[in-house]
Amino acid sequence: MFGKKPSSGSSSGGFKFKGVQDGFSAREAFAKKLDAEKIKYDLHQEKPIVYISYKGDNFDGLTFTFIFDDDGKSFALRVFSIEKFTPDQLPDAYEFCNSMCYAYRWLRFYVDSDNEFTAALDAVIDENNTGDVCYELLSRSVSIVDDVCGKMHE
């Protein structure tokens, strides 16, 4: 539709320049920040993914999953299975979901194909800010998910 992307005229030929981050080094930068903050986490053995489990005031235990892109320039944060809805609850679930998307700008919410309420965000990072950006968004996400879970059960 938009045509071919113009060639830049040069190629790295697979060579990694010093200071360039990939998904695994981004994961390690975030893990280093979590270590400094004394937050427990698990790493996926084969993929650039970090799992952090939390218990909030309004939820018993959820896993905040950070999935780093292979190029290390962005990540996805997902909180799966916040709540499971029955088919008859779906109309109210969609309305609640929309109201939460409107109320909170840092996370978006959706009901997935398994009728589970899920929170998500995506962010851009670089080798200079990975740990701090991921940690800040983790902190905001935990707080927001806790608030939303409280509203869900009112």
N, C-alpha and C. Protein backbone atom coordinates (compact mmCIF):
# COMPACT_ATOMS: atom_id res chain seq x y z
N MET A 1 0.81 -1.19 0.00
CA MET A 1 0.00 0.00 0.00
C MET A 1 0.86 1.26 0.00
N PHE A 2 1.92 1.29 0.78
CA PHE A 2 2.75 2.47 0.89
C PHE A 2 4.02 2.35 0.07
N GLY A 3 4.21 1.24 -0.62
CA GLY A 3 5.41 1.06 -1.41
C GLY A 3 6.55 0.54 -0.57
N LYS A 4 7.67 0.32 -1.23
CA LYS A 4 8.84 -0.20 -0.53
C LYS A 4 9.48 0.88 0.32
N LYS A 5 10.04 0.45 1.44
CA LYS A 5 10.77 1.36 2.31
C LYS A 5 12.10 1.68 1.64
N PRO A 6 12.48 2.94 1.59
CA PRO A 6 13.75 3.28 0.94
C PRO A 6 14.93 2.66 1.67
N SER A 7 15.91 2.25 0.92
CA SER A 7 17.11 1.66 1.50
C SER A 7 17.99 2.75 2.07
N SER A 8 18.59 2.47 3.23
CA SER A 8 19.47 3.45 3.85
C SER A 8 20.86 3.42 3.23
N GLY A 9 21.15 2.42 2.42
CA GLY A 9 22.43 2.36 1.75
C GLY A 9 23.51 1.67 2.54
N SER A 10 23.24 1.30 3.79
CA SER A 10 24.25 0.59 4.57
C SER A 10 23.58 -0.50 5.39
N SER A 11 24.38 -1.44 5.79
CA SER A 11 23.85 -2.55 6.57
C SER A 11 24.88 -2.94 7.61
N SER A 12 24.40 -3.37 8.75
CA SER A 12 25.34 -3.81 9.80
C SER A 12 25.86 -5.20 9.51
N GLY A 13 25.24 -5.92 8.57
CA GLY A 13 25.70 -7.26 8.25
C GLY A 13 25.64 -8.21 9.43
N GLY A 14 24.72 -7.97 10.37
CA GLY A 14 24.60 -8.83 11.53
C GLY A 14 25.49 -8.40 12.70
N PHE A 15 26.35 -7.42 12.50
CA PHE A 15 27.23 -6.94 13.56
C PHE A 15 26.44 -6.13 14.56
N LYS A 16 26.65 -6.38 15.87
CA LYS A 16 25.96 -5.60 16.91
C LYS A 16 26.87 -4.49 17.38
N PHE A 17 26.40 -3.27 17.28
CA PHE A 17 27.18 -2.14 17.74
C PHE A 17 27.15 -2.08 19.26
N LYS A 18 28.24 -1.63 19.85
CA LYS A 18 28.32 -1.49 21.30
C LYS A 18 27.23 -0.54 21.78
N GLY A 19 26.55 -0.92 22.86
CA GLY A 19 25.51 -0.08 23.42
C GLY A 19 24.13 -0.36 22.85
N VAL A 20 24.06 -1.18 21.82
CA VAL A 20 22.76 -1.52 21.24
C VAL A 20 22.15 -2.63 22.09
N GLN A 21 20.91 -2.46 22.44
CA GLN A 21 20.21 -3.37 23.34
C GLN A 21 19.37 -4.36 22.53
N ASP A 22 19.33 -5.61 22.97
CA ASP A 22 18.39 -6.57 22.40
C ASP A 22 17.41 -6.97 23.50
N GLY A 23 16.49 -7.88 23.19
CA GLY A 23 15.47 -8.26 24.15
C GLY A 23 16.03 -8.83 25.44
N PHE A 24 17.08 -9.64 25.34
CA PHE A 24 17.64 -10.26 26.54
C PHE A 24 18.41 -9.25 27.39
N SER A 25 19.13 -8.32 26.76
CA SER A 25 19.83 -7.31 27.57
C SER A 25 18.83 -6.34 28.19
N ALA A 26 17.71 -6.08 27.51
CA ALA A 26 16.65 -5.26 28.11
C ALA A 26 16.08 -5.97 29.33
N ARG A 27 15.84 -7.27 29.20
CA ARG A 27 15.34 -8.07 30.32
C ARG A 27 16.31 -8.01 31.49
N GLU A 28 17.59 -8.12 31.21
CA GLU A 28 18.60 -8.08 32.27
C GLU A 28 18.69 -6.71 32.93
N ALA A 29 18.53 -5.65 32.15
CA ALA A 29 18.54 -4.29 32.72
C ALA A 29 17.37 -4.11 33.69
N PHE A 30 16.21 -4.64 33.33
CA PHE A 30 15.05 -4.57 34.22
C PHE A 30 15.27 -5.44 35.45
N ALA A 31 15.81 -6.62 35.27
CA ALA A 31 16.10 -7.51 36.41
C ALA A 31 17.07 -6.84 37.38
N LYS A 32 18.04 -6.14 36.87
CA LYS A 32 19.00 -5.42 37.72
C LYS A 32 18.28 -4.36 38.56
N LYS A 33 17.34 -3.65 37.95
CA LYS A 33 16.55 -2.64 38.68
C LYS A 33 15.68 -3.31 39.74
N LEU A 34 15.05 -4.43 39.38
CA LEU A 34 14.24 -5.16 40.36
C LEU A 34 15.09 -5.65 41.53
N ASP A 35 16.30 -6.12 41.25
CA ASP A 35 17.21 -6.54 42.31
C ASP A 35 17.53 -5.36 43.24
N ALA A 36 17.79 -4.21 42.66
CA ALA A 36 18.11 -3.02 43.45
C ALA A 36 16.93 -2.60 44.33
N GLU A 37 15.71 -2.84 43.84
CA GLU A 37 14.50 -2.50 44.59
C GLU A 37 14.03 -3.65 45.49
N LYS A 38 14.78 -4.75 45.47
CA LYS A 38 14.47 -5.94 46.28
C LYS A 38 13.08 -6.53 45.95
N ILE A 39 12.78 -6.59 44.66
CA ILE A 39 11.53 -7.17 44.19
C ILE A 39 11.83 -8.52 43.57
N LYS A 40 11.11 -9.54 44.02
CA LYS A 40 11.30 -10.89 43.50
C LYS A 40 10.66 -11.03 42.12
N TYR A 41 11.28 -11.84 41.28
CA TYR A 41 10.79 -12.04 39.92
C TYR A 41 11.30 -13.38 39.40
N ASP A 42 10.73 -13.80 38.29
CA ASP A 42 11.19 -15.00 37.59
C ASP A 42 11.48 -14.61 36.15
N LEU A 43 12.47 -15.27 35.56
CA LEU A 43 12.82 -15.05 34.16
C LEU A 43 12.45 -16.28 33.35
N HIS A 44 11.90 -16.05 32.18
CA HIS A 44 11.67 -17.16 31.24
C HIS A 44 13.04 -17.65 30.80
N GLN A 45 13.21 -18.95 30.71
CA GLN A 45 14.52 -19.52 30.39
C GLN A 45 14.95 -19.27 28.95
N GLU A 46 14.00 -19.17 28.03
CA GLU A 46 14.37 -19.10 26.61
C GLU A 46 13.92 -17.84 25.90
N LYS A 47 13.13 -17.01 26.57
CA LYS A 47 12.60 -15.80 25.93
C LYS A 47 12.86 -14.59 26.82
N PRO A 48 12.88 -13.40 26.23
CA PRO A 48 13.11 -12.19 27.04
C PRO A 48 11.84 -11.74 27.77
N ILE A 49 11.48 -12.52 28.80
CA ILE A 49 10.26 -12.28 29.56
C ILE A 49 10.58 -12.28 31.05
N VAL A 50 9.95 -11.36 31.78
CA VAL A 50 10.07 -11.27 33.24
C VAL A 50 8.68 -11.41 33.83
N TYR A 51 8.56 -12.25 34.87
CA TYR A 51 7.29 -12.46 35.58
C TYR A 51 7.43 -11.92 37.00
N ILE A 52 6.48 -11.10 37.42
CA ILE A 52 6.49 -10.55 38.77
C ILE A 52 5.11 -10.79 39.37
N SER A 53 5.06 -11.50 40.49
CA SER A 53 3.79 -11.80 41.15
C SER A 53 3.55 -10.82 42.29
N TYR A 54 2.33 -10.33 42.36
CA TYR A 54 1.94 -9.40 43.42
C TYR A 54 0.63 -9.83 44.05
N LYS A 55 0.48 -9.44 45.30
CA LYS A 55 -0.80 -9.55 46.00
C LYS A 55 -1.16 -8.13 46.41
N GLY A 56 -2.36 -7.70 46.04
CA GLY A 56 -2.79 -6.34 46.35
C GLY A 56 -3.85 -6.32 47.42
N ASP A 57 -4.32 -5.14 47.73
CA ASP A 57 -5.41 -4.99 48.69
C ASP A 57 -6.71 -5.56 48.13
N ASN A 58 -6.86 -5.51 46.80
CA ASN A 58 -8.11 -5.92 46.15
C ASN A 58 -7.95 -7.12 45.22
N PHE A 59 -6.78 -7.74 45.20
CA PHE A 59 -6.60 -8.98 44.44
C PHE A 59 -5.66 -9.90 45.21
N ASP A 60 -5.92 -11.20 45.08
CA ASP A 60 -5.17 -12.19 45.86
C ASP A 60 -3.79 -12.47 45.31
N GLY A 61 -3.63 -12.44 44.04
CA GLY A 61 -2.33 -12.70 43.44
C GLY A 61 -2.43 -12.68 41.94
N LEU A 62 -1.66 -11.80 41.31
CA LEU A 62 -1.64 -11.70 39.85
C LEU A 62 -0.19 -11.63 39.40
N THR A 63 0.05 -12.09 38.19
CA THR A 63 1.39 -12.02 37.61
C THR A 63 1.43 -10.91 36.58
N PHE A 64 2.39 -10.02 36.74
CA PHE A 64 2.64 -8.93 35.81
C PHE A 64 3.77 -9.42 34.90
N THR A 65 3.45 -9.59 33.62
CA THR A 65 4.37 -10.20 32.67
C THR A 65 4.93 -9.15 31.72
N PHE A 66 6.24 -9.00 31.72
CA PHE A 66 6.94 -8.08 30.83
C PHE A 66 7.53 -8.90 29.69
N ILE A 67 7.12 -8.59 28.47
CA ILE A 67 7.56 -9.32 27.28
C ILE A 67 8.35 -8.33 26.42
N PHE A 68 9.67 -8.52 26.38
CA PHE A 68 10.53 -7.61 25.63
C PHE A 68 10.62 -8.03 24.17
N ASP A 69 10.53 -7.05 23.27
CA ASP A 69 10.70 -7.33 21.85
C ASP A 69 12.14 -7.76 21.59
N ASP A 70 12.32 -8.54 20.54
CA ASP A 70 13.66 -9.05 20.23
C ASP A 70 14.69 -7.95 20.03
N ASP A 71 14.26 -6.80 19.50
CA ASP A 71 15.22 -5.72 19.27
C ASP A 71 15.50 -4.89 20.52
N GLY A 72 14.80 -5.16 21.63
CA GLY A 72 15.04 -4.46 22.88
C GLY A 72 14.60 -3.01 22.89
N LYS A 73 13.80 -2.60 21.92
CA LYS A 73 13.38 -1.21 21.84
C LYS A 73 12.00 -0.96 22.42
N SER A 74 11.30 -2.02 22.80
CA SER A 74 9.97 -1.86 23.38
C SER A 74 9.61 -3.13 24.15
N PHE A 75 8.54 -3.01 24.92
CA PHE A 75 8.05 -4.17 25.66
C PHE A 75 6.55 -4.08 25.79
N ALA A 76 5.96 -5.22 26.08
CA ALA A 76 4.54 -5.32 26.38
C ALA A 76 4.42 -5.78 27.83
N LEU A 77 3.56 -5.13 28.57
CA LEU A 77 3.22 -5.57 29.93
C LEU A 77 1.80 -6.10 29.88
N ARG A 78 1.61 -7.31 30.37
CA ARG A 78 0.29 -7.92 30.38
C ARG A 78 0.00 -8.47 31.77
N VAL A 79 -1.24 -8.29 32.18
CA VAL A 79 -1.75 -8.90 33.41
C VAL A 79 -2.96 -9.72 32.98
N PHE A 80 -2.74 -11.01 32.85
CA PHE A 80 -3.78 -11.91 32.36
C PHE A 80 -4.65 -12.41 33.51
N SER A 81 -5.85 -12.82 33.16
CA SER A 81 -6.75 -13.53 34.09
C SER A 81 -7.04 -12.77 35.37
N ILE A 82 -7.28 -11.47 35.24
CA ILE A 82 -7.64 -10.69 36.42
C ILE A 82 -8.98 -11.17 36.97
N GLU A 83 -9.89 -11.45 36.05
CA GLU A 83 -11.23 -11.94 36.43
C GLU A 83 -11.77 -12.75 35.26
N LYS A 84 -12.47 -13.81 35.56
CA LYS A 84 -13.13 -14.64 34.53
C LYS A 84 -14.61 -14.31 34.54
N PHE A 85 -15.18 -14.05 33.35
CA PHE A 85 -16.59 -13.71 33.23
C PHE A 85 -17.36 -14.87 32.60
N THR A 86 -18.59 -15.04 33.06
CA THR A 86 -19.49 -15.99 32.43
C THR A 86 -20.12 -15.30 31.22
N PRO A 87 -20.66 -16.06 30.27
CA PRO A 87 -21.27 -15.42 29.10
C PRO A 87 -22.36 -14.41 29.45
N ASP A 88 -23.15 -14.67 30.48
CA ASP A 88 -24.21 -13.72 30.83
C ASP A 88 -23.66 -12.46 31.50
N GLN A 89 -22.42 -12.47 31.97
CA GLN A 89 -21.80 -11.29 32.56
C GLN A 89 -21.11 -10.40 31.52
N LEU A 90 -20.96 -10.89 30.29
CA LEU A 90 -20.17 -10.17 29.29
C LEU A 90 -20.68 -8.76 28.97
N PRO A 91 -21.97 -8.53 28.81
CA PRO A 91 -22.38 -7.14 28.52
C PRO A 91 -21.92 -6.16 29.62
N ASP A 92 -22.08 -6.53 30.87
CA ASP A 92 -21.62 -5.67 31.96
C ASP A 92 -20.09 -5.59 31.98
N ALA A 93 -19.43 -6.69 31.66
CA ALA A 93 -17.96 -6.71 31.63
C ALA A 93 -17.43 -5.75 30.58
N TYR A 94 -18.04 -5.73 29.39
CA TYR A 94 -17.60 -4.81 28.34
C TYR A 94 -17.81 -3.36 28.75
N GLU A 95 -18.93 -3.09 29.37
CA GLU A 95 -19.20 -1.72 29.83
C GLU A 95 -18.18 -1.31 30.90
N PHE A 96 -17.91 -2.22 31.85
CA PHE A 96 -16.93 -1.93 32.89
C PHE A 96 -15.55 -1.72 32.28
N CYS A 97 -15.20 -2.57 31.36
CA CYS A 97 -13.91 -2.49 30.68
C CYS A 97 -13.74 -1.12 30.00
N ASN A 98 -14.75 -0.70 29.27
CA ASN A 98 -14.69 0.60 28.60
C ASN A 98 -14.55 1.73 29.60
N SER A 99 -15.27 1.66 30.71
CA SER A 99 -15.18 2.73 31.70
C SER A 99 -13.79 2.77 32.35
N MET A 100 -13.16 1.64 32.52
CA MET A 100 -11.82 1.60 33.10
C MET A 100 -10.77 2.12 32.11
N CYS A 101 -10.96 1.83 30.84
CA CYS A 101 -10.05 2.38 29.82
C CYS A 101 -10.14 3.90 29.80
N TYR A 102 -11.33 4.42 30.00
CA TYR A 102 -11.53 5.86 30.04
C TYR A 102 -10.92 6.47 31.31
N ALA A 103 -11.04 5.77 32.42
CA ALA A 103 -10.62 6.31 33.72
C ALA A 103 -9.11 6.28 33.93
N TYR A 104 -8.42 5.35 33.31
CA TYR A 104 -6.98 5.17 33.55
C TYR A 104 -6.22 5.26 32.23
N ARG A 105 -5.32 6.21 32.16
CA ARG A 105 -4.61 6.40 30.90
C ARG A 105 -3.38 5.52 30.73
N TRP A 106 -2.85 4.94 31.79
CA TRP A 106 -1.61 4.18 31.67
C TRP A 106 -1.83 2.74 31.24
N LEU A 107 -3.01 2.22 31.48
CA LEU A 107 -3.31 0.84 31.09
C LEU A 107 -4.56 0.81 30.23
N ARG A 108 -4.61 -0.16 29.36
CA ARG A 108 -5.87 -0.44 28.67
C ARG A 108 -6.36 -1.79 29.15
N PHE A 109 -7.66 -1.96 29.09
CA PHE A 109 -8.28 -3.19 29.58
C PHE A 109 -9.11 -3.80 28.46
N TYR A 110 -9.17 -5.12 28.46
CA TYR A 110 -10.01 -5.80 27.49
C TYR A 110 -10.44 -7.14 28.04
N VAL A 111 -11.50 -7.69 27.44
CA VAL A 111 -11.95 -9.03 27.74
C VAL A 111 -11.47 -9.90 26.59
N ASP A 112 -10.64 -10.90 26.91
CA ASP A 112 -10.04 -11.71 25.86
C ASP A 112 -10.98 -12.81 25.37
N SER A 113 -10.49 -13.64 24.49
CA SER A 113 -11.33 -14.68 23.88
C SER A 113 -11.75 -15.77 24.86
N ASP A 114 -11.11 -15.82 26.02
CA ASP A 114 -11.50 -16.77 27.08
C ASP A 114 -12.42 -16.12 28.11
N ASN A 115 -12.93 -14.93 27.79
CA ASN A 115 -13.79 -14.15 28.69
C ASN A 115 -13.06 -13.74 29.96
N GLU A 116 -11.78 -13.49 29.85
CA GLU A 116 -10.98 -13.05 31.00
C GLU A 116 -10.61 -11.58 30.86
N PHE A 117 -10.75 -10.87 31.96
CA PHE A 117 -10.40 -9.45 32.03
C PHE A 117 -8.89 -9.34 32.10
N THR A 118 -8.31 -8.55 31.20
CA THR A 118 -6.87 -8.45 31.05
C THR A 118 -6.46 -6.98 31.01
N ALA A 119 -5.29 -6.67 31.58
CA ALA A 119 -4.73 -5.32 31.51
C ALA A 119 -3.49 -5.37 30.62
N ALA A 120 -3.24 -4.28 29.90
CA ALA A 120 -2.12 -4.26 28.98
C ALA A 120 -1.57 -2.85 28.82
N LEU A 121 -0.28 -2.79 28.53
CA LEU A 121 0.35 -1.55 28.08
C LEU A 121 1.55 -1.93 27.23
N ASP A 122 1.97 -1.00 26.40
CA ASP A 122 3.16 -1.16 25.57
C ASP A 122 3.97 0.12 25.72
N ALA A 123 5.29 -0.02 25.72
CA ALA A 123 6.13 1.16 25.90
C ALA A 123 7.43 1.01 25.11
N VAL A 124 7.97 2.15 24.75
CA VAL A 124 9.25 2.23 24.06
C VAL A 124 10.34 2.46 25.09
N ILE A 125 11.47 1.79 24.91
CA ILE A 125 12.61 1.91 25.82
C ILE A 125 13.89 2.00 25.01
N ASP A 126 14.98 2.37 25.68
CA ASP A 126 16.30 2.29 25.07
C ASP A 126 17.29 1.85 26.14
N GLU A 127 18.53 1.65 25.75
CA GLU A 127 19.51 1.09 26.68
C GLU A 127 19.80 2.00 27.87
N ASN A 128 19.41 3.27 27.80
CA ASN A 128 19.67 4.21 28.89
C ASN A 128 18.55 4.28 29.91
N ASN A 129 17.34 3.79 29.57
CA ASN A 129 16.22 3.99 30.49
C ASN A 129 15.40 2.74 30.80
N THR A 130 15.83 1.59 30.33
CA THR A 130 15.01 0.37 30.44
C THR A 130 14.58 0.08 31.87
N GLY A 131 15.53 -0.01 32.78
CA GLY A 131 15.20 -0.37 34.16
C GLY A 131 14.24 0.61 34.79
N ASP A 132 14.51 1.90 34.63
CA ASP A 132 13.67 2.92 35.25
C ASP A 132 12.27 2.98 34.64
N VAL A 133 12.17 2.89 33.33
CA VAL A 133 10.86 2.94 32.67
C VAL A 133 10.03 1.72 33.06
N CYS A 134 10.63 0.54 33.00
CA CYS A 134 9.89 -0.68 33.36
C CYS A 134 9.43 -0.64 34.80
N TYR A 135 10.31 -0.20 35.70
CA TYR A 135 9.96 -0.13 37.12
C TYR A 135 8.83 0.87 37.36
N GLU A 136 8.91 2.03 36.74
CA GLU A 136 7.86 3.05 36.90
C GLU A 136 6.52 2.52 36.40
N LEU A 137 6.52 1.86 35.25
CA LEU A 137 5.27 1.35 34.71
C LEU A 137 4.75 0.15 35.50
N LEU A 138 5.64 -0.63 36.08
CA LEU A 138 5.21 -1.70 36.98
C LEU A 138 4.50 -1.10 38.19
N SER A 139 5.09 -0.08 38.79
CA SER A 139 4.50 0.56 39.97
C SER A 139 3.13 1.13 39.66
N ARG A 140 3.02 1.84 38.55
CA ARG A 140 1.73 2.41 38.17
C ARG A 140 0.71 1.31 37.90
N SER A 141 1.14 0.25 37.22
CA SER A 141 0.23 -0.83 36.85
C SER A 141 -0.31 -1.57 38.06
N VAL A 142 0.54 -1.85 39.02
CA VAL A 142 0.08 -2.54 40.23
C VAL A 142 -0.97 -1.69 40.94
N SER A 143 -0.71 -0.42 41.06
CA SER A 143 -1.66 0.48 41.72
C SER A 143 -2.99 0.55 40.97
N ILE A 144 -2.92 0.69 39.66
CA ILE A 144 -4.14 0.80 38.86
C ILE A 144 -4.93 -0.50 38.90
N VAL A 145 -4.26 -1.64 38.73
CA VAL A 145 -4.96 -2.92 38.75
C VAL A 145 -5.62 -3.12 40.12
N ASP A 146 -4.96 -2.72 41.19
CA ASP A 146 -5.55 -2.84 42.52
C ASP A 146 -6.81 -1.98 42.62
N ASP A 147 -6.74 -0.74 42.12
CA ASP A 147 -7.92 0.15 42.13
C ASP A 147 -9.06 -0.46 41.31
N VAL A 148 -8.74 -0.96 40.13
CA VAL A 148 -9.75 -1.50 39.23
C VAL A 148 -10.39 -2.74 39.84
N CYS A 149 -9.59 -3.59 40.45
CA CYS A 149 -10.16 -4.78 41.10
C CYS A 149 -11.10 -4.39 42.23
N GLY A 150 -10.78 -3.33 42.96
CA GLY A 150 -11.68 -2.85 44.01
C GLY A 150 -13.00 -2.37 43.43
N LYS A 151 -12.94 -1.63 42.31
CA LYS A 151 -14.16 -1.15 41.67
C LYS A 151 -14.97 -2.29 41.07
N MET A 152 -14.29 -3.32 40.60
CA MET A 152 -14.97 -4.45 39.99
C MET A 152 -15.84 -5.19 41.00
N HIS A 153 -15.42 -5.18 42.26
CA HIS A 153 -16.12 -5.94 43.29
C HIS A 153 -16.98 -5.08 44.20
N GLU A 154 -17.24 -3.84 43.80
CA GLU A 154 -18.11 -2.96 44.59
C GLU A 154 -19.56 -3.39 44.48
